[in-house]
């Protein structure tokens, strides 16, 4: 069932992330969607949850009360399939792959293809993060282990991606860019893996918060592809 709650006390993206994090920590909760503007939270669960339990898990500054309940049968017919939810990500990766291939199809060079793929990947993904920079850090910190501990890292991450992307496209200090990319993506992949293993439904920040993408296996796969490319390229550099 999906239950909609009214939540008072939220004033910013950080509050939204905090509410999402605390409500998601409950085992009975399968998915949480928080709307800051409407002061609402939608919780998907297999059974009903006492409002007091939800209130107890939230920080004191927030107050939660039930608003409406949708039975499982009504809700499932309205849900998007996983493929529909991931359509923006699939399209973007398709365009990046096609563009990288077209740059080199006449004079094929695998290493150059991978460098341009990684460069375009990082530039495009950083662009979407910058569209809603004020809310990105809180969303990113929900699963990236370094961003959880050092919030300034979450703020700087889109700019780091942009810098790395330009380094790949301009062929500037390639080995350094590859090494940094390996470290950064490995850390993020650890956080993604833990989230997937815990079976928590949260928003993926890979394309920022402007596009609402769920955290799925696709996030792990895209990171794994980039890590594999970086390892192959650094060995051939």
Protein backbone atom coordinates (compact mmCIF):
# COMPACT_ATOMS: atom_id res chain seq x y z
CA UNK A 1 0.00 0.00 0.00
CA UNK A 2 1.00 3.61 -0.50
CA UNK A 3 0.30 6.07 2.31
CA UNK A 4 0.60 9.83 1.99
CA UNK A 5 1.66 11.78 5.08
CA UNK A 6 1.75 15.48 5.84
CA UNK A 7 5.14 16.52 7.25
CA UNK A 8 5.72 19.90 8.85
CA UNK A 9 9.09 21.40 9.68
CA UNK A 10 10.81 20.92 6.30
CA UNK A 11 12.44 24.12 5.05
CA UNK A 12 15.15 23.06 2.59
CA UNK A 13 16.65 20.27 0.53
CA UNK A 14 18.63 19.11 3.53
CA UNK A 15 15.39 18.63 5.50
CA UNK A 16 13.96 16.64 2.59
CA UNK A 17 17.02 14.40 2.51
CA UNK A 18 16.91 13.96 6.29
CA UNK A 19 13.24 12.93 6.28
CA UNK A 20 13.85 10.52 3.38
CA UNK A 21 16.86 8.99 5.11
CA UNK A 22 15.14 8.43 8.46
CA UNK A 23 11.90 7.07 7.04
CA UNK A 24 13.83 4.75 4.70
CA UNK A 25 15.66 3.27 7.69
CA UNK A 26 12.51 1.40 8.76
CA UNK A 27 12.40 -2.21 7.57
CA UNK A 28 8.70 -2.06 6.69
CA UNK A 29 9.24 0.89 4.34
CA UNK A 30 9.93 -0.14 0.75
CA UNK A 31 10.01 3.27 -0.92
CA UNK A 32 9.91 6.92 0.16
CA UNK A 33 9.13 9.97 -1.96
CA UNK A 34 9.22 13.36 -0.21
CA UNK A 35 7.73 16.51 -1.74
CA UNK A 36 9.22 19.59 -0.07
CA UNK A 37 6.82 22.08 -1.67
CA UNK A 38 3.66 20.16 -0.70
CA UNK A 39 5.10 19.16 2.70
CA UNK A 40 4.18 15.56 1.92
CA UNK A 41 5.79 12.13 1.98
CA UNK A 42 4.55 9.04 0.17
CA UNK A 43 5.53 5.73 1.77
CA UNK A 44 5.15 2.42 0.00
CA UNK A 45 4.92 -0.55 2.34
CA UNK A 46 3.62 -4.12 2.34
CA UNK A 47 1.56 -3.44 5.48
CA UNK A 48 0.38 -0.50 7.52
CA UNK A 49 2.82 1.34 9.78
CA UNK A 50 1.83 3.14 12.96
CA UNK A 51 2.26 6.90 12.66
CA UNK A 52 3.90 6.94 16.09
CA UNK A 53 6.68 4.65 14.79
CA UNK A 54 7.32 7.06 11.95
CA UNK A 55 7.31 10.04 14.29
CA UNK A 56 9.77 8.34 16.64
CA UNK A 57 12.30 7.74 13.87
CA UNK A 58 12.19 11.37 12.67
CA UNK A 59 14.18 14.23 14.27
CA UNK A 60 12.14 16.32 16.70
CA UNK A 61 11.83 19.31 14.35
CA UNK A 62 9.56 17.31 12.02
CA UNK A 63 5.94 16.36 12.67
CA UNK A 64 4.16 13.67 10.63
CA UNK A 65 0.46 12.88 10.26
CA UNK A 66 -1.44 10.59 7.91
CA UNK A 67 -3.16 12.17 4.91
CA UNK A 68 -4.43 9.36 2.65
CA UNK A 69 -3.99 5.66 1.87
CA UNK A 70 -4.00 3.89 -1.49
CA UNK A 71 -4.56 0.15 -1.48
CA UNK A 72 -1.95 -1.97 -3.28
CA UNK A 73 -4.30 -2.77 -6.19
CA UNK A 74 -4.99 0.91 -6.97
CA UNK A 75 -1.40 1.99 -6.62
CA UNK A 76 0.35 -0.66 -8.71
CA UNK A 77 -1.65 0.19 -11.83
CA UNK A 78 -0.31 3.75 -11.70
CA UNK A 79 3.31 2.94 -11.13
CA UNK A 80 5.81 3.30 -13.96
CA UNK A 81 7.80 0.29 -14.97
CA UNK A 82 11.50 0.30 -14.20
CA UNK A 83 12.26 0.68 -17.91
CA UNK A 84 10.04 3.76 -18.16
CA UNK A 85 11.69 5.30 -15.11
CA UNK A 86 15.16 4.73 -16.58
CA UNK A 87 14.30 6.01 -20.06
CA UNK A 88 16.16 9.36 -19.66
CA UNK A 89 19.31 7.54 -18.51
CA UNK A 90 19.12 5.03 -21.38
CA UNK A 91 18.66 7.81 -23.96
CA UNK A 92 21.56 9.85 -22.59
CA UNK A 93 23.92 6.86 -22.56
CA UNK A 94 22.79 6.01 -26.10
CA UNK A 95 23.57 9.51 -27.37
CA UNK A 96 26.97 9.56 -25.65
CA UNK A 97 27.90 6.16 -27.09
CA UNK A 98 26.76 7.15 -30.59
CA UNK A 99 28.61 10.47 -30.50
CA UNK A 100 31.82 8.80 -29.29
CA UNK A 101 31.58 6.17 -32.02
CA UNK A 102 30.92 8.71 -34.80
CA UNK A 103 34.01 10.69 -33.81
CA UNK A 104 36.23 7.71 -34.63
CA UNK A 105 34.41 5.32 -36.97
CA UNK A 106 36.47 6.37 -40.03
CA UNK A 107 39.77 5.90 -38.24
CA UNK A 108 38.91 3.54 -35.40
CA UNK A 109 40.90 3.87 -32.20
CA UNK A 110 39.51 2.06 -29.16
CA UNK A 111 41.44 4.09 -26.61
CA UNK A 112 40.37 7.39 -28.17
CA UNK A 113 36.76 6.15 -28.24
CA UNK A 114 36.86 5.34 -24.52
CA UNK A 115 38.49 8.66 -23.61
CA UNK A 116 35.81 10.58 -25.51
CA UNK A 117 33.05 8.39 -24.02
CA UNK A 118 34.30 9.08 -20.49
CA UNK A 119 34.75 12.77 -21.24
CA UNK A 120 31.25 13.20 -22.65
CA UNK A 121 29.77 11.03 -19.89
CA UNK A 122 31.24 13.19 -17.14
CA UNK A 123 30.41 16.50 -18.86
CA UNK A 124 26.77 15.55 -19.53
CA UNK A 125 26.18 14.03 -16.11
CA UNK A 126 27.72 17.05 -14.36
CA UNK A 127 25.42 19.33 -16.39
CA UNK A 128 22.31 17.64 -14.97
CA UNK A 129 23.71 17.84 -11.44
CA UNK A 130 24.30 21.58 -11.85
CA UNK A 131 20.67 22.13 -12.91
CA UNK A 132 19.64 21.73 -9.27
CA UNK A 133 22.91 22.20 -7.40
CA UNK A 134 21.31 23.28 -4.12
CA UNK A 135 19.50 19.94 -3.69
CA UNK A 136 22.13 17.64 -5.22
CA UNK A 137 24.53 17.43 -2.21
CA UNK A 138 21.85 16.16 0.18
CA UNK A 139 20.66 13.54 -2.31
CA UNK A 140 24.22 12.44 -3.18
CA UNK A 141 25.16 12.15 0.50
CA UNK A 142 22.42 9.56 1.02
CA UNK A 143 24.59 6.86 -0.58
CA UNK A 144 28.09 8.13 -1.40
CA UNK A 145 30.32 7.24 1.60
CA UNK A 146 32.67 10.24 1.24
CA UNK A 147 29.85 12.74 0.69
CA UNK A 148 28.20 11.48 3.89
CA UNK A 149 31.26 12.45 5.91
CA UNK A 150 32.51 15.52 4.02
CA UNK A 151 29.58 17.62 2.77
CA UNK A 152 31.83 20.05 0.86
CA UNK A 153 32.83 17.09 -1.33
CA UNK A 154 29.20 16.67 -2.37
CA UNK A 155 29.03 20.36 -3.34
CA UNK A 156 32.26 20.14 -5.35
CA UNK A 157 31.47 16.82 -7.03
CA UNK A 158 29.69 18.23 -10.15
CA UNK A 159 32.62 20.59 -10.75
CA UNK A 160 35.08 17.74 -10.29
CA UNK A 161 33.16 15.76 -12.91
CA UNK A 162 33.28 18.70 -15.31
CA UNK A 163 37.03 19.10 -14.81
CA UNK A 164 37.70 15.40 -15.37
CA UNK A 165 35.50 15.40 -18.47
CA UNK A 166 37.44 18.31 -19.96
CA UNK A 167 40.74 16.61 -19.16
CA UNK A 168 39.66 13.51 -21.09
CA UNK A 169 38.35 15.46 -24.08
CA UNK A 170 41.43 17.71 -24.22
CA UNK A 171 43.83 14.77 -23.57
CA UNK A 172 45.33 16.69 -20.64
CA UNK A 173 47.08 14.71 -17.88
CA UNK A 174 45.20 11.55 -18.85
CA UNK A 175 46.78 9.26 -16.25
CA UNK A 176 45.95 11.68 -13.44
CA UNK A 177 42.36 12.04 -14.68
CA UNK A 178 42.00 8.26 -14.93
CA UNK A 179 43.37 7.72 -11.42
CA UNK A 180 41.01 10.30 -9.89
CA UNK A 181 38.06 8.85 -11.84
CA UNK A 182 38.83 5.36 -10.56
CA UNK A 183 38.92 6.51 -6.94
CA UNK A 184 35.80 8.68 -7.19
CA UNK A 185 33.66 6.12 -9.03
CA UNK A 186 34.86 3.24 -6.86
CA UNK A 187 33.69 5.10 -3.73
CA UNK A 188 30.32 5.90 -5.28
CA UNK A 189 29.89 2.32 -6.49
CA UNK A 190 30.46 1.04 -2.96
CA UNK A 191 27.62 3.25 -1.74
CA UNK A 192 25.36 2.19 -4.62
CA UNK A 193 26.09 -1.49 -3.94
CA UNK A 194 25.23 -1.12 -0.24
CA UNK A 195 21.99 0.67 -1.08
CA UNK A 196 20.96 -2.07 -3.52
CA UNK A 197 21.87 -4.85 -1.09
CA UNK A 198 19.85 -3.14 1.66
CA UNK A 199 16.95 -2.97 -0.83
CA UNK A 200 16.29 0.67 -0.03
CA UNK A 201 14.36 2.71 -2.61
CA UNK A 202 15.95 6.14 -2.90
CA UNK A 203 16.47 8.65 -5.67
CA UNK A 204 19.66 8.26 -7.68
CA UNK A 205 21.68 11.48 -7.94
CA UNK A 206 23.67 10.36 -10.99
CA UNK A 207 21.64 12.79 -13.12
CA UNK A 208 21.11 15.22 -10.28
CA UNK A 209 17.73 15.84 -8.70
CA UNK A 210 16.09 17.59 -11.67
CA UNK A 211 15.38 14.16 -13.19
CA UNK A 212 13.82 11.79 -10.68
CA UNK A 213 15.58 8.48 -11.31
CA UNK A 214 15.33 5.54 -8.92
CA UNK A 215 18.44 3.83 -7.57
CA UNK A 216 18.58 0.56 -9.54
CA UNK A 217 21.05 -1.97 -10.90
CA UNK A 218 21.47 0.37 -13.90
CA UNK A 219 23.32 2.82 -11.67
CA UNK A 220 25.75 0.10 -10.67
CA UNK A 221 26.21 -1.00 -14.29
CA UNK A 222 26.94 2.50 -15.60
CA UNK A 223 29.56 3.03 -12.88
CA UNK A 224 31.05 -0.40 -13.57
CA UNK A 225 31.38 0.42 -17.28
CA UNK A 226 33.22 3.65 -16.50
CA UNK A 227 35.51 1.89 -14.02
CA UNK A 228 36.29 -0.86 -16.55
CA UNK A 229 37.05 1.72 -19.26
CA UNK A 230 39.32 3.64 -16.90
CA UNK A 231 41.25 0.48 -15.96
CA UNK A 232 41.65 -0.59 -19.61
CA UNK A 233 42.72 2.90 -20.68
CA UNK A 234 45.18 3.47 -17.84
CA UNK A 235 46.90 0.17 -18.68
CA UNK A 236 47.21 1.23 -22.31
CA UNK A 237 48.26 4.80 -21.60
